[in-house]
Amino acid sequence: MRRVTQPARMPDPMTGELRPPSAPRTESKGIRTTPPGFPTTEVVAPEEMGPPLEWCEESKHYPLQGAIFYLCLFAVSGTIIYRGFEWTSNWFLWVFITVICVAMYFHLKKDRVVAGSRWVQQRDEWISTYEITKIRSTTVGLNRASKIEDVHGNKLILVLRDAQMNPLLWNLVYNGIVHSVAHGNCDISKAARRILKI
């Protein structure tokens, strides 16, 4: 029988105390801390699940910087491919570039993770971390992710790099995952076990 990492005690839903121990991080060694105040992301988890305790957000300017980066990348690429600035007179290319940059702006604006003591949210999806029924390994772009379902039918694709950038956030999430697996109600794939180190 496979040995399961033992979870710490379930933290208080309002305060997060006692905080769980440090969780293994495989996708990010960054040390982000939760900024003071309240997350700028709309919290979709029900109030009875407890307040947000930790979150990982880029600065307000990050999505705009990302969109400008893509605009510059396309401009440089167009200039190299056309060997000059002739491409600037092509209206179709401008429409294409504008659509891509706007899409990237809104995409980057949503890549935020928020967690309470017993739930986690990425974008507008959330799950109850102590009531997980299924975990599968997947990818989002070049990043590893976990496809997670809970007992209430909630589904979430959690990008591990985003969640692990804030160690305190990841500790909360990981303890819930381990708790669900340890109590035998969670169907977890071998790949997910290996990547999550459970």
N, C-alpha and C. Protein backbone atom coordinates (compact mmCIF):
# COMPACT_ATOMS: atom_id res chain seq x y z
N MET A 1 0.84 -1.19 0.00
CA MET A 1 0.00 0.00 0.00
C MET A 1 0.88 1.25 0.00
N ARG A 2 0.50 2.26 -0.80
CA ARG A 2 1.29 3.49 -0.91
C ARG A 2 1.19 4.30 0.37
N ARG A 3 2.33 4.79 0.83
CA ARG A 3 2.36 5.63 2.02
C ARG A 3 1.96 7.05 1.65
N VAL A 4 1.05 7.63 2.38
CA VAL A 4 0.57 8.99 2.10
C VAL A 4 1.15 9.94 3.13
N THR A 5 1.65 11.08 2.65
CA THR A 5 2.13 12.12 3.55
C THR A 5 0.99 12.49 4.49
N GLN A 6 1.28 12.57 5.78
CA GLN A 6 0.23 12.88 6.75
C GLN A 6 -0.01 14.39 6.82
N PRO A 7 -1.28 14.81 6.72
CA PRO A 7 -1.59 16.23 6.80
C PRO A 7 -1.52 16.73 8.23
N ALA A 8 -1.34 18.03 8.35
CA ALA A 8 -1.43 18.66 9.66
C ALA A 8 -2.92 18.77 10.01
N ARG A 9 -3.20 19.24 11.19
CA ARG A 9 -4.58 19.42 11.61
C ARG A 9 -5.27 20.43 10.69
N MET A 10 -6.56 20.28 10.49
CA MET A 10 -7.32 21.19 9.65
C MET A 10 -7.34 22.58 10.30
N PRO A 11 -6.92 23.63 9.58
CA PRO A 11 -6.86 24.97 10.18
C PRO A 11 -8.24 25.59 10.36
N ASP A 12 -8.33 26.56 11.25
CA ASP A 12 -9.57 27.29 11.49
C ASP A 12 -9.99 28.00 10.20
N PRO A 13 -11.27 27.91 9.78
CA PRO A 13 -11.67 28.49 8.50
C PRO A 13 -11.59 30.01 8.46
N MET A 14 -11.65 30.68 9.60
CA MET A 14 -11.62 32.14 9.60
C MET A 14 -10.22 32.72 9.72
N THR A 15 -9.37 32.08 10.52
CA THR A 15 -8.05 32.65 10.78
C THR A 15 -6.91 31.89 10.10
N GLY A 16 -7.16 30.63 9.74
CA GLY A 16 -6.10 29.80 9.16
C GLY A 16 -5.17 29.22 10.18
N GLU A 17 -5.41 29.49 11.46
CA GLU A 17 -4.56 28.96 12.53
C GLU A 17 -5.02 27.57 12.92
N LEU A 18 -4.18 26.75 13.32
CA LEU A 18 -2.74 26.68 13.24
C LEU A 18 -2.34 26.49 11.79
N ARG A 19 -1.38 27.27 11.35
CA ARG A 19 -0.94 27.18 9.97
C ARG A 19 -0.25 25.85 9.71
N PRO A 20 -0.51 25.26 8.51
CA PRO A 20 0.14 23.98 8.19
C PRO A 20 1.64 24.14 7.97
N PRO A 21 2.38 23.03 8.05
CA PRO A 21 3.84 23.10 7.83
C PRO A 21 4.17 23.38 6.37
N SER A 22 5.44 23.63 6.12
CA SER A 22 5.90 23.92 4.75
C SER A 22 5.65 22.73 3.84
N ALA A 23 5.12 23.02 2.66
CA ALA A 23 4.81 21.99 1.67
C ALA A 23 5.92 21.94 0.62
N PRO A 24 6.15 20.77 0.03
CA PRO A 24 7.16 20.69 -1.04
C PRO A 24 6.73 21.48 -2.26
N ARG A 25 7.66 22.24 -2.82
CA ARG A 25 7.37 23.04 -4.02
C ARG A 25 8.26 22.54 -5.14
N THR A 26 7.65 22.14 -6.25
CA THR A 26 8.40 21.59 -7.37
C THR A 26 8.43 22.51 -8.58
N GLU A 27 7.49 23.46 -8.66
CA GLU A 27 7.37 24.29 -9.86
C GLU A 27 7.83 25.72 -9.68
N SER A 28 7.95 26.19 -8.45
CA SER A 28 8.40 27.56 -8.21
C SER A 28 9.10 27.64 -6.87
N LYS A 29 10.25 28.25 -6.86
CA LYS A 29 10.98 28.48 -5.61
C LYS A 29 10.89 29.95 -5.20
N GLY A 30 10.02 30.70 -5.89
CA GLY A 30 9.84 32.12 -5.59
C GLY A 30 9.33 32.33 -4.18
N ILE A 31 9.58 33.50 -3.66
CA ILE A 31 9.12 33.84 -2.31
C ILE A 31 8.26 35.10 -2.41
N ARG A 32 7.04 34.93 -2.82
CA ARG A 32 6.09 36.04 -2.85
C ARG A 32 5.33 36.05 -1.54
N THR A 33 4.99 37.21 -1.08
CA THR A 33 4.19 37.32 0.14
C THR A 33 2.86 37.97 -0.22
N THR A 34 1.87 37.71 0.60
CA THR A 34 0.55 38.30 0.38
C THR A 34 0.62 39.78 0.70
N PRO A 35 0.22 40.64 -0.24
CA PRO A 35 0.25 42.08 0.03
C PRO A 35 -0.82 42.45 1.06
N PRO A 36 -0.65 43.57 1.75
CA PRO A 36 -1.66 43.98 2.72
C PRO A 36 -2.97 44.37 2.01
N GLY A 37 -4.05 44.33 2.76
CA GLY A 37 -5.34 44.71 2.19
C GLY A 37 -6.16 43.50 1.79
N PHE A 38 -6.81 43.62 0.66
CA PHE A 38 -7.71 42.58 0.16
C PHE A 38 -7.34 42.28 -1.27
N PRO A 39 -7.51 41.03 -1.74
CA PRO A 39 -7.14 40.72 -3.13
C PRO A 39 -7.97 41.53 -4.12
N THR A 40 -7.35 41.91 -5.23
CA THR A 40 -8.07 42.65 -6.26
C THR A 40 -8.95 41.72 -7.09
N THR A 41 -8.68 40.42 -7.04
CA THR A 41 -9.49 39.43 -7.73
C THR A 41 -10.81 39.26 -6.98
N GLU A 42 -11.91 39.15 -7.71
CA GLU A 42 -13.20 38.88 -7.08
C GLU A 42 -13.19 37.47 -6.50
N VAL A 43 -13.51 37.35 -5.23
CA VAL A 43 -13.54 36.05 -4.56
C VAL A 43 -14.89 35.39 -4.86
N VAL A 44 -14.86 34.19 -5.45
CA VAL A 44 -16.09 33.50 -5.81
C VAL A 44 -16.46 32.39 -4.84
N ALA A 45 -15.54 32.03 -3.95
CA ALA A 45 -15.86 31.01 -2.94
C ALA A 45 -16.92 31.57 -1.99
N PRO A 46 -17.88 30.77 -1.55
CA PRO A 46 -18.92 31.25 -0.64
C PRO A 46 -18.34 31.77 0.67
N GLU A 47 -18.99 32.76 1.24
CA GLU A 47 -18.51 33.39 2.48
C GLU A 47 -18.37 32.39 3.62
N GLU A 48 -19.26 31.39 3.66
CA GLU A 48 -19.20 30.43 4.76
C GLU A 48 -17.94 29.57 4.73
N MET A 49 -17.21 29.59 3.60
CA MET A 49 -15.94 28.85 3.51
C MET A 49 -14.82 29.59 4.22
N GLY A 50 -15.05 30.83 4.60
CA GLY A 50 -14.04 31.62 5.28
C GLY A 50 -13.44 32.66 4.35
N PRO A 51 -12.76 33.64 4.91
CA PRO A 51 -12.20 34.73 4.11
C PRO A 51 -10.92 34.32 3.38
N PRO A 52 -10.52 35.10 2.38
CA PRO A 52 -9.22 34.86 1.75
C PRO A 52 -8.11 35.18 2.75
N LEU A 53 -7.14 34.30 2.86
CA LEU A 53 -6.03 34.50 3.79
C LEU A 53 -4.72 34.79 3.07
N GLU A 54 -4.54 34.17 1.91
CA GLU A 54 -3.30 34.36 1.13
C GLU A 54 -3.68 34.49 -0.33
N TRP A 55 -2.90 35.29 -1.06
CA TRP A 55 -3.11 35.41 -2.49
C TRP A 55 -1.82 35.77 -3.18
N CYS A 56 -1.78 35.45 -4.45
CA CYS A 56 -0.60 35.73 -5.27
C CYS A 56 -1.07 36.46 -6.52
N GLU A 57 -0.75 37.73 -6.57
CA GLU A 57 -1.16 38.57 -7.69
C GLU A 57 0.05 39.34 -8.22
N GLU A 58 0.06 39.51 -9.51
CA GLU A 58 1.06 40.39 -10.10
C GLU A 58 0.63 41.83 -9.84
N SER A 59 1.50 42.79 -10.13
CA SER A 59 1.15 44.19 -9.96
C SER A 59 0.04 44.56 -10.94
N LYS A 60 -0.63 45.68 -10.69
CA LYS A 60 -1.70 46.15 -11.56
C LYS A 60 -1.20 46.38 -12.99
N HIS A 61 0.07 46.72 -13.11
CA HIS A 61 0.63 47.06 -14.42
C HIS A 61 1.10 45.84 -15.21
N TYR A 62 1.15 44.67 -14.57
CA TYR A 62 1.68 43.47 -15.22
C TYR A 62 0.94 43.10 -16.50
N PRO A 63 -0.41 43.07 -16.52
CA PRO A 63 -1.10 42.72 -17.77
C PRO A 63 -0.80 43.71 -18.91
N LEU A 64 -0.72 45.00 -18.57
CA LEU A 64 -0.41 46.01 -19.59
C LEU A 64 1.02 45.84 -20.10
N GLN A 65 1.93 45.55 -19.18
CA GLN A 65 3.32 45.31 -19.60
C GLN A 65 3.41 44.08 -20.50
N GLY A 66 2.64 43.04 -20.19
CA GLY A 66 2.62 41.84 -21.03
C GLY A 66 2.09 42.13 -22.42
N ALA A 67 1.01 42.92 -22.50
CA ALA A 67 0.44 43.27 -23.80
C ALA A 67 1.42 44.11 -24.62
N ILE A 68 2.10 45.04 -23.96
CA ILE A 68 3.10 45.88 -24.67
C ILE A 68 4.27 45.02 -25.13
N PHE A 69 4.67 44.05 -24.32
CA PHE A 69 5.75 43.14 -24.72
C PHE A 69 5.38 42.41 -26.02
N TYR A 70 4.15 41.90 -26.08
CA TYR A 70 3.72 41.19 -27.30
C TYR A 70 3.64 42.13 -28.49
N LEU A 71 3.20 43.36 -28.27
CA LEU A 71 3.16 44.35 -29.35
C LEU A 71 4.56 44.59 -29.91
N CYS A 72 5.53 44.77 -29.02
CA CYS A 72 6.92 44.97 -29.44
C CYS A 72 7.48 43.74 -30.14
N LEU A 73 7.14 42.57 -29.62
CA LEU A 73 7.60 41.32 -30.24
C LEU A 73 7.09 41.20 -31.67
N PHE A 74 5.81 41.49 -31.87
CA PHE A 74 5.25 41.44 -33.21
C PHE A 74 5.88 42.49 -34.13
N ALA A 75 6.12 43.69 -33.60
CA ALA A 75 6.73 44.76 -34.40
C ALA A 75 8.13 44.39 -34.86
N VAL A 76 8.92 43.86 -33.95
CA VAL A 76 10.28 43.44 -34.30
C VAL A 76 10.23 42.28 -35.31
N SER A 77 9.34 41.32 -35.06
CA SER A 77 9.22 40.17 -35.97
C SER A 77 8.80 40.62 -37.37
N GLY A 78 7.81 41.52 -37.43
CA GLY A 78 7.36 42.03 -38.73
C GLY A 78 8.46 42.75 -39.48
N THR A 79 9.23 43.54 -38.74
CA THR A 79 10.33 44.29 -39.36
C THR A 79 11.40 43.35 -39.90
N ILE A 80 11.69 42.28 -39.18
CA ILE A 80 12.70 41.30 -39.63
C ILE A 80 12.19 40.51 -40.83
N ILE A 81 10.94 40.03 -40.72
CA ILE A 81 10.38 39.20 -41.80
C ILE A 81 10.25 39.99 -43.11
N TYR A 82 9.75 41.23 -43.01
CA TYR A 82 9.54 42.05 -44.21
C TYR A 82 10.78 42.87 -44.60
N ARG A 83 11.83 42.75 -43.78
CA ARG A 83 13.08 43.49 -44.01
C ARG A 83 12.85 44.99 -44.17
N GLY A 84 12.09 45.50 -43.23
CA GLY A 84 11.77 46.93 -43.23
C GLY A 84 10.41 47.15 -42.61
N PHE A 85 9.90 48.36 -42.81
CA PHE A 85 8.64 48.74 -42.17
C PHE A 85 7.45 48.67 -43.12
N GLU A 86 7.60 47.96 -44.22
CA GLU A 86 6.52 47.82 -45.19
C GLU A 86 5.28 47.16 -44.56
N TRP A 87 5.49 46.29 -43.61
CA TRP A 87 4.39 45.57 -42.95
C TRP A 87 3.41 46.50 -42.25
N THR A 88 3.86 47.71 -41.88
CA THR A 88 2.98 48.64 -41.13
C THR A 88 1.80 49.13 -41.95
N SER A 89 1.86 48.99 -43.27
CA SER A 89 0.74 49.43 -44.11
C SER A 89 -0.30 48.33 -44.33
N ASN A 90 -0.07 47.14 -43.77
CA ASN A 90 -0.99 46.02 -43.92
C ASN A 90 -2.01 46.06 -42.77
N TRP A 91 -3.26 46.43 -43.06
CA TRP A 91 -4.28 46.58 -42.01
C TRP A 91 -4.61 45.24 -41.35
N PHE A 92 -4.53 44.14 -42.11
CA PHE A 92 -4.83 42.82 -41.54
C PHE A 92 -3.86 42.48 -40.41
N LEU A 93 -2.59 42.78 -40.60
CA LEU A 93 -1.60 42.50 -39.55
C LEU A 93 -1.90 43.32 -38.29
N TRP A 94 -2.33 44.58 -38.47
CA TRP A 94 -2.65 45.42 -37.32
C TRP A 94 -3.85 44.87 -36.54
N VAL A 95 -4.85 44.38 -37.27
CA VAL A 95 -6.02 43.78 -36.61
C VAL A 95 -5.58 42.53 -35.83
N PHE A 96 -4.75 41.69 -36.47
CA PHE A 96 -4.26 40.47 -35.83
C PHE A 96 -3.47 40.81 -34.56
N ILE A 97 -2.55 41.75 -34.66
CA ILE A 97 -1.71 42.14 -33.52
C ILE A 97 -2.58 42.70 -32.39
N THR A 98 -3.55 43.53 -32.73
CA THR A 98 -4.42 44.14 -31.72
C THR A 98 -5.23 43.08 -30.98
N VAL A 99 -5.79 42.13 -31.71
CA VAL A 99 -6.58 41.07 -31.10
C VAL A 99 -5.71 40.24 -30.14
N ILE A 100 -4.52 39.88 -30.58
CA ILE A 100 -3.61 39.09 -29.73
C ILE A 100 -3.23 39.86 -28.47
N CYS A 101 -2.88 41.13 -28.61
CA CYS A 101 -2.46 41.94 -27.45
C CYS A 101 -3.61 42.13 -26.46
N VAL A 102 -4.81 42.38 -26.95
CA VAL A 102 -5.97 42.54 -26.05
C VAL A 102 -6.26 41.22 -25.34
N ALA A 103 -6.20 40.11 -26.09
CA ALA A 103 -6.43 38.80 -25.48
C ALA A 103 -5.40 38.51 -24.39
N MET A 104 -4.14 38.84 -24.65
CA MET A 104 -3.08 38.62 -23.66
C MET A 104 -3.30 39.49 -22.42
N TYR A 105 -3.74 40.72 -22.63
CA TYR A 105 -4.01 41.62 -21.50
C TYR A 105 -5.03 40.99 -20.55
N PHE A 106 -6.15 40.52 -21.10
CA PHE A 106 -7.20 39.95 -20.25
C PHE A 106 -6.79 38.58 -19.69
N HIS A 107 -5.99 37.84 -20.44
CA HIS A 107 -5.50 36.55 -19.96
C HIS A 107 -4.59 36.75 -18.74
N LEU A 108 -3.65 37.68 -18.85
CA LEU A 108 -2.70 37.92 -17.75
C LEU A 108 -3.38 38.54 -16.54
N LYS A 109 -4.44 39.27 -16.78
CA LYS A 109 -5.16 39.91 -15.68
C LYS A 109 -5.84 38.89 -14.77
N LYS A 110 -6.15 37.71 -15.32
CA LYS A 110 -6.87 36.70 -14.56
C LYS A 110 -5.97 35.71 -13.85
N ASP A 111 -4.69 35.68 -14.15
CA ASP A 111 -3.81 34.66 -13.58
C ASP A 111 -3.43 35.01 -12.15
N ARG A 112 -4.40 34.84 -11.27
CA ARG A 112 -4.20 35.14 -9.86
C ARG A 112 -4.76 33.98 -9.05
N VAL A 113 -4.10 33.69 -7.94
CA VAL A 113 -4.55 32.59 -7.08
C VAL A 113 -4.88 33.17 -5.71
N VAL A 114 -6.02 32.77 -5.16
CA VAL A 114 -6.48 33.22 -3.85
C VAL A 114 -6.83 31.97 -3.05
N ALA A 115 -6.47 31.96 -1.76
CA ALA A 115 -6.79 30.80 -0.92
C ALA A 115 -7.26 31.22 0.46
N GLY A 116 -8.24 30.49 0.94
CA GLY A 116 -8.64 30.56 2.33
C GLY A 116 -8.05 29.35 3.03
N SER A 117 -8.41 29.13 4.26
CA SER A 117 -7.84 27.99 4.97
C SER A 117 -8.34 26.66 4.41
N ARG A 118 -9.53 26.67 3.77
CA ARG A 118 -10.11 25.41 3.29
C ARG A 118 -10.57 25.47 1.84
N TRP A 119 -10.09 26.44 1.07
CA TRP A 119 -10.47 26.56 -0.33
C TRP A 119 -9.37 27.26 -1.12
N VAL A 120 -9.41 27.07 -2.44
CA VAL A 120 -8.48 27.76 -3.32
C VAL A 120 -9.23 28.15 -4.59
N GLN A 121 -8.85 29.30 -5.14
CA GLN A 121 -9.48 29.83 -6.34
C GLN A 121 -8.41 30.28 -7.33
N GLN A 122 -8.60 29.93 -8.60
CA GLN A 122 -7.79 30.51 -9.67
C GLN A 122 -8.76 30.97 -10.74
N ARG A 123 -8.59 32.22 -11.18
CA ARG A 123 -9.56 32.85 -12.07
C ARG A 123 -10.92 32.84 -11.39
N ASP A 124 -11.96 32.34 -12.06
CA ASP A 124 -13.29 32.34 -11.44
C ASP A 124 -13.75 30.93 -11.06
N GLU A 125 -12.78 30.03 -10.84
CA GLU A 125 -13.08 28.66 -10.42
C GLU A 125 -12.52 28.45 -9.02
N TRP A 126 -13.20 27.66 -8.20
CA TRP A 126 -12.72 27.37 -6.85
C TRP A 126 -13.10 25.95 -6.46
N ILE A 127 -12.38 25.41 -5.50
CA ILE A 127 -12.71 24.10 -4.93
C ILE A 127 -12.47 24.12 -3.43
N SER A 128 -13.14 23.21 -2.75
CA SER A 128 -12.93 23.00 -1.32
C SER A 128 -11.75 22.04 -1.17
N THR A 129 -10.65 22.51 -0.62
CA THR A 129 -9.42 21.70 -0.60
C THR A 129 -9.48 20.49 0.31
N TYR A 130 -10.38 20.49 1.30
CA TYR A 130 -10.48 19.35 2.22
C TYR A 130 -11.56 18.35 1.80
N GLU A 131 -12.16 18.59 0.63
CA GLU A 131 -13.21 17.69 0.13
C GLU A 131 -12.97 17.33 -1.33
N ILE A 132 -11.71 17.10 -1.67
CA ILE A 132 -11.34 16.78 -3.05
C ILE A 132 -11.66 15.32 -3.35
N THR A 133 -12.25 15.08 -4.52
CA THR A 133 -12.59 13.71 -4.92
C THR A 133 -11.74 13.20 -6.08
N LYS A 134 -11.11 14.10 -6.83
CA LYS A 134 -10.35 13.66 -8.00
C LYS A 134 -9.24 14.66 -8.31
N ILE A 135 -8.03 14.14 -8.61
CA ILE A 135 -6.90 14.97 -9.01
C ILE A 135 -6.21 14.30 -10.19
N ARG A 136 -6.01 15.07 -11.24
CA ARG A 136 -5.29 14.61 -12.41
C ARG A 136 -4.22 15.64 -12.77
N SER A 137 -3.15 15.17 -13.36
CA SER A 137 -2.08 16.05 -13.81
C SER A 137 -2.40 16.53 -15.22
N THR A 138 -2.13 17.79 -15.50
CA THR A 138 -2.34 18.36 -16.82
C THR A 138 -1.34 19.49 -17.04
N THR A 139 -1.47 20.20 -18.14
CA THR A 139 -0.62 21.36 -18.38
C THR A 139 -1.47 22.52 -18.86
N VAL A 140 -0.99 23.72 -18.58
CA VAL A 140 -1.58 24.95 -19.09
C VAL A 140 -0.44 25.70 -19.74
N GLY A 141 -0.43 25.72 -21.06
CA GLY A 141 0.73 26.28 -21.77
C GLY A 141 1.94 25.41 -21.49
N LEU A 142 2.99 26.02 -20.97
CA LEU A 142 4.21 25.28 -20.63
C LEU A 142 4.26 24.92 -19.15
N ASN A 143 3.22 25.23 -18.41
CA ASN A 143 3.21 25.03 -16.96
C ASN A 143 2.44 23.78 -16.55
N ARG A 144 2.98 23.07 -15.56
CA ARG A 144 2.26 21.94 -15.00
C ARG A 144 1.08 22.45 -14.18
N ALA A 145 0.01 21.68 -14.21
CA ALA A 145 -1.19 22.06 -13.47
C ALA A 145 -1.86 20.81 -12.93
N SER A 146 -2.77 21.01 -12.00
CA SER A 146 -3.58 19.92 -11.46
C SER A 146 -5.04 20.20 -11.75
N LYS A 147 -5.69 19.22 -12.34
CA LYS A 147 -7.13 19.30 -12.59
C LYS A 147 -7.81 18.67 -11.39
N ILE A 148 -8.56 19.48 -10.63
CA ILE A 148 -9.08 19.04 -9.34
C ILE A 148 -10.60 19.18 -9.30
N GLU A 149 -11.25 18.19 -8.70
CA GLU A 149 -12.70 18.23 -8.49
C GLU A 149 -12.98 17.99 -7.01
N ASP A 150 -14.03 18.65 -6.50
CA ASP A 150 -14.40 18.41 -5.10
C ASP A 150 -15.76 17.74 -5.01
N VAL A 151 -16.17 17.42 -3.80
CA VAL A 151 -17.39 16.67 -3.54
C VAL A 151 -18.64 17.44 -3.96
N HIS A 152 -18.55 18.76 -4.07
CA HIS A 152 -19.69 19.59 -4.45
C HIS A 152 -19.84 19.73 -5.96
N GLY A 153 -18.92 19.12 -6.72
CA GLY A 153 -18.97 19.23 -8.18
C GLY A 153 -18.18 20.40 -8.74
N ASN A 154 -17.50 21.15 -7.86
CA ASN A 154 -16.66 22.26 -8.33
C ASN A 154 -15.42 21.70 -9.00
N LYS A 155 -14.97 22.36 -10.06
CA LYS A 155 -13.78 21.93 -10.79
C LYS A 155 -12.82 23.11 -10.94
N LEU A 156 -11.53 22.80 -10.89
CA LEU A 156 -10.51 23.84 -10.96
C LEU A 156 -9.28 23.28 -11.65
N ILE A 157 -8.70 24.07 -12.53
CA ILE A 157 -7.37 23.73 -13.06
C ILE A 157 -6.41 24.70 -12.38
N LEU A 158 -5.62 24.16 -11.46
CA LEU A 158 -4.69 24.96 -10.66
C LEU A 158 -3.30 24.89 -11.28
N VAL A 159 -2.80 26.04 -11.75
CA VAL A 159 -1.45 26.10 -12.29
C VAL A 159 -0.49 26.10 -11.11
N LEU A 160 0.32 25.05 -11.00
CA LEU A 160 1.15 24.85 -9.81
C LEU A 160 2.16 25.96 -9.61
N ARG A 161 2.74 26.46 -10.69
CA ARG A 161 3.71 27.55 -10.56
C ARG A 161 3.06 28.77 -9.91
N ASP A 162 1.85 29.11 -10.33
CA ASP A 162 1.16 30.28 -9.78
C ASP A 162 0.87 30.09 -8.29
N ALA A 163 0.43 28.89 -7.90
CA ALA A 163 0.09 28.63 -6.50
C ALA A 163 1.32 28.55 -5.62
N GLN A 164 2.42 28.03 -6.16
CA GLN A 164 3.62 27.82 -5.35
C GLN A 164 4.50 29.06 -5.22
N MET A 165 4.19 30.11 -5.96
CA MET A 165 4.99 31.33 -5.85
C MET A 165 4.86 31.98 -4.46
N ASN A 166 3.71 31.77 -3.82
CA ASN A 166 3.50 32.26 -2.46
C ASN A 166 3.52 31.03 -1.54
N PRO A 167 4.62 30.79 -0.82
CA PRO A 167 4.73 29.57 0.00
C PRO A 167 3.62 29.40 1.02
N LEU A 168 3.16 30.48 1.65
CA LEU A 168 2.11 30.36 2.67
C LEU A 168 0.78 29.94 2.03
N LEU A 169 0.53 30.44 0.84
CA LEU A 169 -0.67 30.04 0.10
C LEU A 169 -0.58 28.55 -0.24
N TRP A 170 0.56 28.14 -0.77
CA TRP A 170 0.73 26.74 -1.16
C TRP A 170 0.62 25.80 0.04
N ASN A 171 1.13 26.22 1.20
CA ASN A 171 1.01 25.40 2.41
C ASN A 171 -0.45 25.11 2.73
N LEU A 172 -1.31 26.13 2.64
CA LEU A 172 -2.74 25.95 2.90
C LEU A 172 -3.36 24.97 1.91
N VAL A 173 -3.07 25.17 0.63
CA VAL A 173 -3.65 24.33 -0.42
C VAL A 173 -3.15 22.89 -0.30
N TYR A 174 -1.85 22.74 -0.14
CA TYR A 174 -1.25 21.40 -0.10
C TYR A 174 -1.76 20.59 1.08
N ASN A 175 -1.92 21.21 2.25
CA ASN A 175 -2.41 20.50 3.42
C ASN A 175 -3.81 19.95 3.16
N GLY A 176 -4.64 20.74 2.47
CA GLY A 176 -5.98 20.25 2.13
C GLY A 176 -5.93 19.09 1.16
N ILE A 177 -5.04 19.18 0.16
CA ILE A 177 -4.90 18.09 -0.81
C ILE A 177 -4.47 16.81 -0.10
N VAL A 178 -3.46 16.91 0.74
CA VAL A 178 -2.95 15.74 1.47
C VAL A 178 -4.03 15.17 2.39
N HIS A 179 -4.79 16.04 3.02
CA HIS A 179 -5.89 15.61 3.89
C HIS A 179 -6.90 14.80 3.09
N SER A 180 -7.28 15.29 1.91
CA SER A 180 -8.26 14.58 1.07
C SER A 180 -7.73 13.21 0.64
N VAL A 181 -6.46 13.16 0.26
CA VAL A 181 -5.86 11.90 -0.18
C VAL A 181 -5.74 10.93 1.00
N ALA A 182 -5.33 11.43 2.15
CA ALA A 182 -5.11 10.58 3.33
C ALA A 182 -6.40 9.93 3.82
N HIS A 183 -7.52 10.60 3.62
CA HIS A 183 -8.79 10.06 4.11
C HIS A 183 -9.45 9.13 3.09
N GLY A 184 -8.76 8.87 1.97
CA GLY A 184 -9.18 7.83 1.04
C GLY A 184 -10.35 8.15 0.14
N ASN A 185 -10.81 9.39 0.14
CA ASN A 185 -11.95 9.75 -0.68
C ASN A 185 -11.54 10.41 -1.99
N CYS A 186 -10.24 10.44 -2.27
CA CYS A 186 -9.73 11.16 -3.42
C CYS A 186 -9.08 10.20 -4.41
N ASP A 187 -9.54 10.25 -5.65
CA ASP A 187 -8.97 9.46 -6.74
C ASP A 187 -7.86 10.29 -7.37
N ILE A 188 -6.62 9.95 -7.09
CA ILE A 188 -5.47 10.72 -7.57
C ILE A 188 -4.63 9.86 -8.51
N SER A 189 -4.27 10.40 -9.65
CA SER A 189 -3.48 9.64 -10.63
C SER A 189 -2.03 9.51 -10.17
N LYS A 190 -1.32 8.54 -10.75
CA LYS A 190 0.09 8.34 -10.41
C LYS A 190 0.92 9.57 -10.77
N ALA A 191 0.63 10.18 -11.93
CA ALA A 191 1.38 11.37 -12.36
C ALA A 191 1.16 12.51 -11.37
N ALA A 192 -0.08 12.70 -10.92
CA ALA A 192 -0.36 13.77 -9.95
C ALA A 192 0.34 13.50 -8.63
N ARG A 193 0.36 12.24 -8.19
CA ARG A 193 1.08 11.89 -6.95
C ARG A 193 2.56 12.25 -7.06
N ARG A 194 3.15 11.89 -8.21
CA ARG A 194 4.57 12.13 -8.40
C ARG A 194 4.86 13.64 -8.41
N ILE A 195 4.08 14.41 -9.15
CA ILE A 195 4.34 15.85 -9.29
C ILE A 195 4.07 16.58 -7.97
N LEU A 196 3.02 16.18 -7.26
CA LEU A 196 2.69 16.84 -5.99
C LEU A 196 3.48 16.30 -4.81
N LYS A 197 4.21 15.21 -5.04
CA LYS A 197 5.01 14.56 -3.99
C LYS A 197 4.14 14.10 -2.83
N ILE A 198 3.11 13.33 -3.17
CA ILE A 198 2.19 12.78 -2.17
C ILE A 198 2.38 11.28 -2.12
